[in-house]
Amino acid sequence: MATVTAHAGQSHETVTAAQTTKTQVSRVKAADHAKPTAKAASASANKHSQKASAASAASLSRATQANASAQAHAASQTAASTKPAAVAAPAQPVKAPAPVAVQTPAQKAAQKAASIRATTGETYVGTVSGLGMATDVIQGSMSRTTAPAQAGLAMTWGGATQLSTTDGLTTEIAGHAKSNTFSWITGLGVGSQVAVTDASGNSRTYRVYAVDDVNDDSYSVKDGKDQYNAIISANQGEAVVLQTCLSDTVNRIVWAR
């Protein structure tokens, strides 16, 4: 029994030893088995760490890029805000139109007198107009038996031969009708207006108060009245007497004051 017990004990010890050895081997194996697991864990950790580092680096790169972009945008905004505003070119002054020289009536009359003297050698004394027509008048006298041949001209004949609108005298003005120089006076009637501007540029409007037709001896062809003095007299007040021919023997006479 003792042997058995002892044997059994020996056997137990042996088993125990064997078990111990087996356990150690198992532990060694476990340890050996654990080593690659630890390596794998380390590798995994390193891999995760690398991924984390890469992610961190990527994140840092994105943050850096975003920061750089923000800084660039801020710099752009700052540059835009600090950029000096474009200076507008100074507006060119608008040139006022050159003033148009306005001639006075006296200047116009003097200019016309110079033109008539240069072209005809005659002395301009004024202009008579009516019914939208106008005729320039040169100085004449009763010693001249023919009115100016130039179209647009008439001459003083009886009365005050120096035509004036302010002297209080009457001037007779005679002109041809054939050249249309003075034919317009045939359209005047009692109440018609006649405007006269003298060589000084003074103007006056006269109103027709009488009309008659006379022969070459100044007798009215209507009633035989002698109109000579009424035609040539200067002492009829501030007035004009206008004369043109209707035919070779009959003349139209118009009085206006």
C-alpha atoms as a PDB file:
ATOM      1  CA  MET A   1       0.000   0.000   0.000  1.00  0.00           C
ATOM      2  CA  ALA A   2       2.871   2.250   0.911  1.00  0.00           C
ATOM      3  CA  THR A   3       4.530   1.312  -2.304  1.00  0.00           C
ATOM      4  CA  VAL A   4       1.471   1.970  -4.041  1.00  0.00           C
ATOM      5  CA  THR A   5       1.067   5.150  -2.165  1.00  0.00           C
ATOM      6  CA  ALA A   6       4.675   5.970  -2.578  1.00  0.00           C
ATOM      7  CA  HIS A   7       4.465   4.904  -6.169  1.00  0.00           C
ATOM      8  CA  ALA A   8       1.343   6.721  -6.416  1.00  0.00           C
ATOM      9  CA  GLY A   9       3.018   9.633  -4.833  1.00  0.00           C
ATOM     10  CA  GLN A  10       5.953   9.228  -7.102  1.00  0.00           C
ATOM     11  CA  SER A  11       3.681   8.923  -9.911  1.00  0.00           C
ATOM     12  CA  HIS A  12       1.904  12.072  -8.735  1.00  0.00           C
ATOM     13  CA  GLU A  13       5.134  13.860  -8.478  1.00  0.00           C
ATOM     14  CA  THR A  14       6.075  12.545 -11.823  1.00  0.00           C
ATOM     15  CA  VAL A  15       2.775  13.630 -13.195  1.00  0.00           C
ATOM     16  CA  THR A  16       3.120  16.840 -11.399  1.00  0.00           C
ATOM     17  CA  ALA A  17       6.560  17.328 -12.795  1.00  0.00           C
ATOM     18  CA  ALA A  18       5.323  16.265 -16.117  1.00  0.00           C
ATOM     19  CA  GLN A  19       2.445  18.579 -15.795  1.00  0.00           C
ATOM     20  CA  THR A  20       4.789  21.335 -14.685  1.00  0.00           C
ATOM     21  CA  THR A  21       6.994  20.678 -17.631  1.00  0.00           C
ATOM     22  CA  LYS A  22       3.982  20.508 -19.827  1.00  0.00           C
ATOM     23  CA  THR A  23       2.708  23.742 -18.318  1.00  0.00           C
ATOM     24  CA  GLN A  24       6.041  25.383 -18.835  1.00  0.00           C
ATOM     25  CA  VAL A  25       6.102  24.133 -22.357  1.00  0.00           C
ATOM     26  CA  SER A  26       2.594  25.369 -22.697  1.00  0.00           C
ATOM     27  CA  ARG A  27       3.668  28.651 -21.230  1.00  0.00           C
ATOM     28  CA  VAL A  28       6.663  28.725 -23.466  1.00  0.00           C
ATOM     29  CA  LYS A  29       4.459  27.919 -26.367  1.00  0.00           C
ATOM     30  CA  ALA A  30       2.028  30.502 -25.128  1.00  0.00           C
ATOM     31  CA  ALA A  31       4.870  32.919 -24.763  1.00  0.00           C
ATOM     32  CA  ASP A  32       6.159  31.910 -28.167  1.00  0.00           C
ATOM     33  CA  HIS A  33       2.656  32.262 -29.461  1.00  0.00           C
ATOM     34  CA  ALA A  34       2.290  35.598 -27.753  1.00  0.00           C
ATOM     35  CA  LYS A  35       5.440  37.015 -29.328  1.00  0.00           C
ATOM     36  CA  PRO A  36       4.087  37.228 -32.844  1.00  0.00           C
ATOM     37  CA  THR A  37       0.856  38.577 -31.437  1.00  0.00           C
ATOM     38  CA  ALA A  38       2.773  41.335 -29.675  1.00  0.00           C
ATOM     39  CA  LYS A  39       4.697  42.017 -32.877  1.00  0.00           C
ATOM     40  CA  ALA A  40       1.476  42.141 -34.771  1.00  0.00           C
ATOM     41  CA  ALA A  41       0.027  44.429 -32.161  1.00  0.00           C
ATOM     42  CA  SER A  42       3.131  46.579 -32.340  1.00  0.00           C
ATOM     43  CA  ALA A  43       2.963  46.576 -36.118  1.00  0.00           C
ATOM     44  CA  SER A  44      -0.713  47.348 -35.968  1.00  0.00           C
ATOM     45  CA  ALA A  45      -0.021  50.075 -33.467  1.00  0.00           C
ATOM     46  CA  ASN A  46       2.735  51.407 -35.661  1.00  0.00           C
ATOM     47  CA  LYS A  47       0.411  51.200 -38.665  1.00  0.00           C
ATOM     48  CA  HIS A  48      -2.331  53.004 -36.767  1.00  0.00           C
ATOM     49  CA  SER A  49       0.203  55.478 -35.555  1.00  0.00           C
ATOM     50  CA  GLN A  50       1.421  56.006 -39.100  1.00  0.00           C
ATOM     51  CA  LYS A  51      -2.152  56.383 -40.291  1.00  0.00           C
ATOM     52  CA  ALA A  52      -2.833  58.760 -37.458  1.00  0.00           C
ATOM     53  CA  SER A  53       0.348  60.623 -38.292  1.00  0.00           C
ATOM     54  CA  ALA A  54      -0.615  60.661 -41.939  1.00  0.00           C
ATOM     55  CA  ALA A  55      -4.109  61.761 -41.061  1.00  0.00           C
ATOM     56  CA  SER A  56      -2.707  64.318 -38.698  1.00  0.00           C
ATOM     57  CA  ALA A  57      -0.276  65.458 -41.389  1.00  0.00           C
ATOM     58  CA  ALA A  58      -3.090  65.588 -43.934  1.00  0.00           C
ATOM     59  CA  SER A  59      -5.243  67.429 -41.491  1.00  0.00           C
ATOM     60  CA  LEU A  60      -2.359  69.750 -40.692  1.00  0.00           C
ATOM     61  CA  SER A  61      -1.731  70.179 -44.412  1.00  0.00           C
ATOM     62  CA  ARG A  62      -5.398  71.006 -44.978  1.00  0.00           C
ATOM     63  CA  ALA A  63      -5.349  73.343 -42.015  1.00  0.00           C
ATOM     64  CA  THR A  64      -2.160  74.898 -43.313  1.00  0.00           C
ATOM     65  CA  GLN A  65      -3.646  75.242 -46.778  1.00  0.00           C
ATOM     66  CA  ALA A  66      -6.859  76.683 -45.357  1.00  0.00           C
ATOM     67  CA  ASN A  67      -4.844  79.032 -43.174  1.00  0.00           C
ATOM     68  CA  ALA A  68      -2.693  80.004 -46.161  1.00  0.00           C
ATOM     69  CA  SER A  69      -5.815  80.514 -48.253  1.00  0.00           C
ATOM     70  CA  ALA A  70      -7.388  82.606 -45.522  1.00  0.00           C
ATOM     71  CA  GLN A  71      -4.189  84.615 -45.164  1.00  0.00           C
ATOM     72  CA  ALA A  72      -4.032  85.086 -48.943  1.00  0.00           C
ATOM     73  CA  HIS A  73      -7.684  86.183 -49.007  1.00  0.00           C
ATOM     74  CA  ALA A  74      -7.094  88.529 -46.098  1.00  0.00           C
ATOM     75  CA  ALA A  75      -4.003  89.891 -47.818  1.00  0.00           C
ATOM     76  CA  SER A  76      -6.014  90.331 -51.014  1.00  0.00           C
ATOM     77  CA  GLN A  77      -8.758  92.143 -49.127  1.00  0.00           C
ATOM     78  CA  THR A  78      -6.201  94.280 -47.360  1.00  0.00           C
ATOM     79  CA  ALA A  79      -4.460  95.042 -50.621  1.00  0.00           C
ATOM     80  CA  ALA A  80      -7.802  95.891 -52.211  1.00  0.00           C
ATOM     81  CA  SER A  81      -8.754  98.122 -49.303  1.00  0.00           C
ATOM     82  CA  THR A  82      -5.373  99.807 -49.212  1.00  0.00           C
ATOM     83  CA  LYS A  83      -5.053 100.104 -52.976  1.00  0.00           C
ATOM     84  CA  PRO A  84      -5.298 103.747 -53.841  1.00  0.00           C
ATOM     85  CA  ALA A  85      -8.485 104.641 -55.664  1.00  0.00           C
ATOM     86  CA  ALA A  86      -8.083 105.391 -59.304  1.00  0.00           C
ATOM     87  CA  VAL A  87      -7.803 109.084 -59.756  1.00  0.00           C
ATOM     88  CA  ALA A  88     -10.367 110.288 -62.235  1.00  0.00           C
ATOM     89  CA  ALA A  89      -8.948 112.303 -65.046  1.00  0.00           C
ATOM     90  CA  PRO A  90      -9.795 115.932 -64.606  1.00  0.00           C
ATOM     91  CA  ALA A  91     -12.828 116.895 -66.621  1.00  0.00           C
ATOM     92  CA  GLN A  92     -11.945 118.850 -69.663  1.00  0.00           C
ATOM     93  CA  PRO A  93     -13.424 122.302 -69.438  1.00  0.00           C
ATOM     94  CA  VAL A  94     -16.255 122.763 -71.851  1.00  0.00           C
ATOM     95  CA  LYS A  95     -15.370 125.540 -74.153  1.00  0.00           C
ATOM     96  CA  ALA A  96     -18.069 128.105 -74.382  1.00  0.00           C
ATOM     97  CA  PRO A  97     -19.079 128.790 -77.934  1.00  0.00           C
ATOM     98  CA  ALA A  98     -17.423 131.814 -79.329  1.00  0.00           C
ATOM     99  CA  PRO A  99     -19.743 134.744 -78.905  1.00  0.00           C
ATOM    100  CA  VAL A 100     -21.388 135.742 -82.113  1.00  0.00           C
ATOM    101  CA  ALA A 101     -20.598 139.318 -82.856  1.00  0.00           C
ATOM    102  CA  VAL A 102     -23.858 141.206 -83.098  1.00  0.00           C
ATOM    103  CA  GLN A 103     -23.637 144.275 -85.231  1.00  0.00           C
ATOM    104  CA  THR A 104     -25.439 147.411 -84.218  1.00  0.00           C
ATOM    105  CA  PRO A 105     -27.774 149.025 -86.760  1.00  0.00           C
ATOM    106  CA  ALA A 106     -25.179 151.741 -87.315  1.00  0.00           C
ATOM    107  CA  GLN A 107     -22.479 149.138 -87.992  1.00  0.00           C
ATOM    108  CA  LYS A 108     -24.745 147.309 -90.431  1.00  0.00           C
ATOM    109  CA  ALA A 109     -25.497 150.571 -92.225  1.00  0.00           C
ATOM    110  CA  ALA A 110     -21.805 151.469 -92.367  1.00  0.00           C
ATOM    111  CA  GLN A 111     -20.969 148.032 -93.756  1.00  0.00           C
ATOM    112  CA  LYS A 112     -23.658 148.347 -96.404  1.00  0.00           C
ATOM    113  CA  ALA A 113     -22.472 151.867 -97.305  1.00  0.00           C
ATOM    114  CA  ALA A 114     -18.915 150.579 -97.750  1.00  0.00           C
ATOM    115  CA  SER A 115     -20.117 147.704 -99.935  1.00  0.00           C
ATOM    116  CA  ILE A 116     -22.261 149.926-102.165  1.00  0.00           C
ATOM    117  CA  ARG A 117     -19.504 152.486-102.549  1.00  0.00           C
ATOM    118  CA  ALA A 118     -17.029 149.732-103.460  1.00  0.00           C
ATOM    119  CA  THR A 119     -19.301 148.185-106.086  1.00  0.00           C
ATOM    120  CA  THR A 120     -21.078 151.239-107.570  1.00  0.00           C
ATOM    121  CA  GLY A 121     -19.203 154.312-106.397  1.00  0.00           C
ATOM    122  CA  GLU A 122     -22.518 155.660-105.033  1.00  0.00           C
ATOM    123  CA  THR A 123     -23.279 157.047-101.560  1.00  0.00           C
ATOM    124  CA  TYR A 124     -25.632 154.905 -99.498  1.00  0.00           C
ATOM    125  CA  VAL A 125     -28.229 156.923 -97.576  1.00  0.00           C
ATOM    126  CA  GLY A 126     -30.636 154.270 -96.305  1.00  0.00           C
ATOM    127  CA  THR A 127     -32.987 151.362 -96.970  1.00  0.00           C
ATOM    128  CA  VAL A 128     -36.740 151.388 -97.513  1.00  0.00           C
ATOM    129  CA  SER A 129     -38.847 148.244 -97.115  1.00  0.00           C
ATOM    130  CA  GLY A 130     -42.408 147.002 -97.120  1.00  0.00           C
ATOM    131  CA  LEU A 131     -44.506 143.962 -98.052  1.00  0.00           C
ATOM    132  CA  GLY A 132     -41.475 141.781 -97.267  1.00  0.00           C
ATOM    133  CA  MET A 133     -39.300 143.576 -99.826  1.00  0.00           C
ATOM    134  CA  ALA A 134     -36.370 145.963 -99.339  1.00  0.00           C
ATOM    135  CA  THR A 135     -34.563 148.446-101.568  1.00  0.00           C
ATOM    136  CA  ASP A 136     -31.289 150.233-100.805  1.00  0.00           C
ATOM    137  CA  VAL A 137     -31.254 153.960-101.492  1.00  0.00           C
ATOM    138  CA  ILE A 138     -28.352 156.050-102.780  1.00  0.00           C
ATOM    139  CA  GLN A 139     -28.102 159.813-102.700  1.00  0.00           C
ATOM    140  CA  GLY A 140     -29.355 161.532-105.862  1.00  0.00           C
ATOM    141  CA  SER A 141     -30.633 164.930-106.897  1.00  0.00           C
ATOM    142  CA  MET A 142     -33.141 166.499-109.226  1.00  0.00           C
ATOM    143  CA  SER A 143     -30.336 167.010-111.711  1.00  0.00           C
ATOM    144  CA  ARG A 144     -30.281 163.243-112.242  1.00  0.00           C
ATOM    145  CA  THR A 145     -33.010 162.314-114.639  1.00  0.00           C
ATOM    146  CA  THR A 146     -32.649 158.553-114.476  1.00  0.00           C
ATOM    147  CA  ALA A 147     -32.930 156.245-111.483  1.00  0.00           C
ATOM    148  CA  PRO A 148     -30.116 153.732-110.839  1.00  0.00           C
ATOM    149  CA  ALA A 149     -30.069 150.886-113.320  1.00  0.00           C
ATOM    150  CA  GLN A 150     -28.693 148.366-110.783  1.00  0.00           C
ATOM    151  CA  ALA A 151     -31.311 146.002-109.392  1.00  0.00           C
ATOM    152  CA  GLY A 152     -32.057 146.603-105.759  1.00  0.00           C
ATOM    153  CA  LEU A 153     -31.200 150.311-105.827  1.00  0.00           C
ATOM    154  CA  ALA A 154     -33.309 153.474-105.800  1.00  0.00           C
ATOM    155  CA  MET A 155     -32.244 157.102-105.283  1.00  0.00           C
ATOM    156  CA  THR A 156     -33.397 160.264-103.588  1.00  0.00           C
ATOM    157  CA  TRP A 157     -34.635 162.881-106.024  1.00  0.00           C
ATOM    158  CA  GLY A 158     -36.899 165.609-104.606  1.00  0.00           C
ATOM    159  CA  GLY A 159     -37.141 166.882-101.049  1.00  0.00           C
ATOM    160  CA  ALA A 160     -34.261 166.285 -98.615  1.00  0.00           C
ATOM    161  CA  THR A 161     -31.844 164.251-100.673  1.00  0.00           C
ATOM    162  CA  GLN A 162     -29.899 163.168 -97.580  1.00  0.00           C
ATOM    163  CA  LEU A 163     -32.376 160.591 -96.305  1.00  0.00           C
ATOM    164  CA  SER A 164     -32.938 160.788 -92.573  1.00  0.00           C
ATOM    165  CA  THR A 165     -35.583 159.403 -90.215  1.00  0.00           C
ATOM    166  CA  THR A 166     -34.980 162.109 -87.607  1.00  0.00           C
ATOM    167  CA  ASP A 167     -34.675 165.437 -89.462  1.00  0.00           C
ATOM    168  CA  GLY A 168     -38.416 166.172 -89.688  1.00  0.00           C
ATOM    169  CA  LEU A 169     -38.199 166.570 -93.453  1.00  0.00           C
ATOM    170  CA  THR A 170     -39.749 164.826 -96.457  1.00  0.00           C
ATOM    171  CA  THR A 171     -37.636 162.865 -98.942  1.00  0.00           C
ATOM    172  CA  GLU A 172     -38.747 161.617-102.344  1.00  0.00           C
ATOM    173  CA  ILE A 173     -37.333 158.254-103.403  1.00  0.00           C
ATOM    174  CA  ALA A 174     -37.546 157.110-107.035  1.00  0.00           C
ATOM    175  CA  GLY A 175     -36.706 153.721-108.506  1.00  0.00           C
ATOM    176  CA  HIS A 176     -37.317 151.591-111.573  1.00  0.00           C
ATOM    177  CA  ALA A 177     -40.090 149.030-111.631  1.00  0.00           C
ATOM    178  CA  LYS A 178     -38.858 147.095-114.635  1.00  0.00           C
ATOM    179  CA  SER A 179     -35.894 145.719-112.704  1.00  0.00           C
ATOM    180  CA  ASN A 180     -38.204 144.863-109.774  1.00  0.00           C
ATOM    181  CA  THR A 181     -36.213 147.369-107.750  1.00  0.00           C
ATOM    182  CA  PHE A 182     -39.251 149.351-106.714  1.00  0.00           C
ATOM    183  CA  SER A 183     -42.206 147.575-108.257  1.00  0.00           C
ATOM    184  CA  TRP A 184     -43.303 146.356-104.820  1.00  0.00           C
ATOM    185  CA  ILE A 185     -44.586 149.843-103.919  1.00  0.00           C
ATOM    186  CA  THR A 186     -47.448 149.328-106.376  1.00  0.00           C
ATOM    187  CA  GLY A 187     -48.867 146.881-103.850  1.00  0.00           C
ATOM    188  CA  LEU A 188     -49.084 149.540-101.117  1.00  0.00           C
ATOM    189  CA  GLY A 189     -52.388 151.147-100.227  1.00  0.00           C
ATOM    190  CA  VAL A 190     -53.646 153.605 -97.643  1.00  0.00           C
ATOM    191  CA  GLY A 191     -52.802 152.166 -94.228  1.00  0.00           C
ATOM    192  CA  SER A 192     -49.854 150.053 -95.450  1.00  0.00           C
ATOM    193  CA  GLN A 193     -46.623 150.288 -93.472  1.00  0.00           C
ATOM    194  CA  VAL A 194     -43.253 151.334 -94.858  1.00  0.00           C
ATOM    195  CA  ALA A 195     -40.043 151.023 -92.832  1.00  0.00           C
ATOM    196  CA  VAL A 196     -37.029 153.235 -93.424  1.00  0.00           C
ATOM    197  CA  THR A 197     -33.495 152.902 -92.003  1.00  0.00           C
ATOM    198  CA  ASP A 198     -31.112 155.768 -92.666  1.00  0.00           C
ATOM    199  CA  ALA A 199     -27.338 155.691 -93.095  1.00  0.00           C
ATOM    200  CA  SER A 200     -26.867 156.256 -89.350  1.00  0.00           C
ATOM    201  CA  GLY A 201     -28.834 153.100 -88.565  1.00  0.00           C
ATOM    202  CA  ASN A 202     -31.904 154.955 -87.277  1.00  0.00           C
ATOM    203  CA  SER A 203     -35.201 153.306 -88.179  1.00  0.00           C
ATOM    204  CA  ARG A 204     -38.746 154.541 -88.434  1.00  0.00           C
ATOM    205  CA  THR A 205     -42.016 153.047 -89.617  1.00  0.00           C
ATOM    206  CA  TYR A 206     -44.284 155.200 -91.752  1.00  0.00           C
ATOM    207  CA  ARG A 207     -47.918 154.625 -92.691  1.00  0.00           C
ATOM    208  CA  VAL A 208     -49.243 155.243 -96.179  1.00  0.00           C
ATOM    209  CA  TYR A 209     -51.846 158.047 -96.219  1.00  0.00           C
ATOM    210  CA  ALA A 210     -52.244 158.768 -99.962  1.00  0.00           C
ATOM    211  CA  VAL A 211     -51.707 157.091-103.347  1.00  0.00           C
ATOM    212  CA  ASP A 212     -51.975 158.641-106.849  1.00  0.00           C
ATOM    213  CA  ASP A 213     -50.912 158.061-110.432  1.00  0.00           C
ATOM    214  CA  VAL A 214     -49.421 161.032-112.280  1.00  0.00           C
ATOM    215  CA  ASN A 215     -48.086 161.730-115.759  1.00  0.00           C
ATOM    216  CA  ASP A 216     -44.548 162.931-116.458  1.00  0.00           C
ATOM    217  CA  ASP A 217     -45.658 166.523-115.770  1.00  0.00           C
ATOM    218  CA  SER A 218     -46.872 165.511-112.284  1.00  0.00           C
ATOM    219  CA  TYR A 219     -50.612 165.889-113.016  1.00  0.00           C
ATOM    220  CA  SER A 220     -52.914 163.241-111.635  1.00  0.00           C
ATOM    221  CA  VAL A 221     -54.324 161.027-114.358  1.00  0.00           C
ATOM    222  CA  LYS A 222     -57.400 160.515-112.181  1.00  0.00           C
ATOM    223  CA  ASP A 223     -58.529 164.100-111.644  1.00  0.00           C
ATOM    224  CA  GLY A 224     -55.869 166.330-113.323  1.00  0.00           C
ATOM    225  CA  LYS A 225     -54.614 167.730-109.998  1.00  0.00           C
ATOM    226  CA  ASP A 226     -51.093 169.157-110.035  1.00  0.00           C
ATOM    227  CA  GLN A 227     -49.098 167.071-107.577  1.00  0.00           C
ATOM    228  CA  TYR A 228     -45.673 168.560-108.262  1.00  0.00           C
ATOM    229  CA  ASN A 229     -45.138 170.370-104.941  1.00  0.00           C
ATOM    230  CA  ALA A 230     -46.632 167.484-103.001  1.00  0.00           C
ATOM    231  CA  ILE A 231     -44.047 165.256-104.648  1.00  0.00           C
ATOM    232  CA  ILE A 232     -40.856 167.303-104.354  1.00  0.00           C
ATOM    233  CA  SER A 233     -41.386 169.533-101.304  1.00  0.00           C
ATOM    234  CA  ALA A 234     -39.166 168.757 -98.291  1.00  0.00           C
ATOM    235  CA  ASN A 235     -41.465 170.684 -95.935  1.00  0.00           C
ATOM    236  CA  GLN A 236     -44.201 168.129 -95.393  1.00  0.00           C
ATOM    237  CA  GLY A 237     -42.948 166.915 -92.057  1.00  0.00           C
ATOM    238  CA  GLU A 238     -41.193 163.623 -91.327  1.00  0.00           C
ATOM    239  CA  ALA A 239     -42.352 161.666 -94.372  1.00  0.00           C
ATOM    240  CA  VAL A 240     -41.328 159.841 -97.522  1.00  0.00           C
ATOM    241  CA  VAL A 241     -42.724 160.019-101.061  1.00  0.00           C
ATOM    242  CA  LEU A 242     -42.145 156.905-103.150  1.00  0.00           C
ATOM    243  CA  GLN A 243     -42.244 156.902-106.962  1.00  0.00           C
ATOM    244  CA  THR A 244     -42.000 154.222-109.642  1.00  0.00           C
ATOM    245  CA  CYS A 245     -43.232 153.999-113.225  1.00  0.00           C
ATOM    246  CA  LEU A 246     -46.316 152.116-114.326  1.00  0.00           C
ATOM    247  CA  SER A 247     -45.649 152.832-117.978  1.00  0.00           C
ATOM    248  CA  ASP A 248     -43.500 155.121-120.083  1.00  0.00           C
ATOM    249  CA  THR A 249     -45.768 158.068-119.220  1.00  0.00           C
ATOM    250  CA  VAL A 250     -47.502 157.210-115.940  1.00  0.00           C
ATOM    251  CA  ASN A 251     -45.944 156.992-112.471  1.00  0.00           C
ATOM    252  CA  ARG A 252     -47.242 155.595-109.194  1.00  0.00           C
ATOM    253  CA  ILE A 253     -46.804 158.010-106.254  1.00  0.00           C
ATOM    254  CA  VAL A 254     -47.128 156.840-102.617  1.00  0.00           C
ATOM    255  CA  TRP A 255     -47.077 159.213 -99.602  1.00  0.00           C
ATOM    256  CA  ALA A 256     -46.269 157.853 -96.118  1.00  0.00           C
ATOM    257  CA  ARG A 257     -45.659 159.575 -92.785  1.00  0.00           C
END
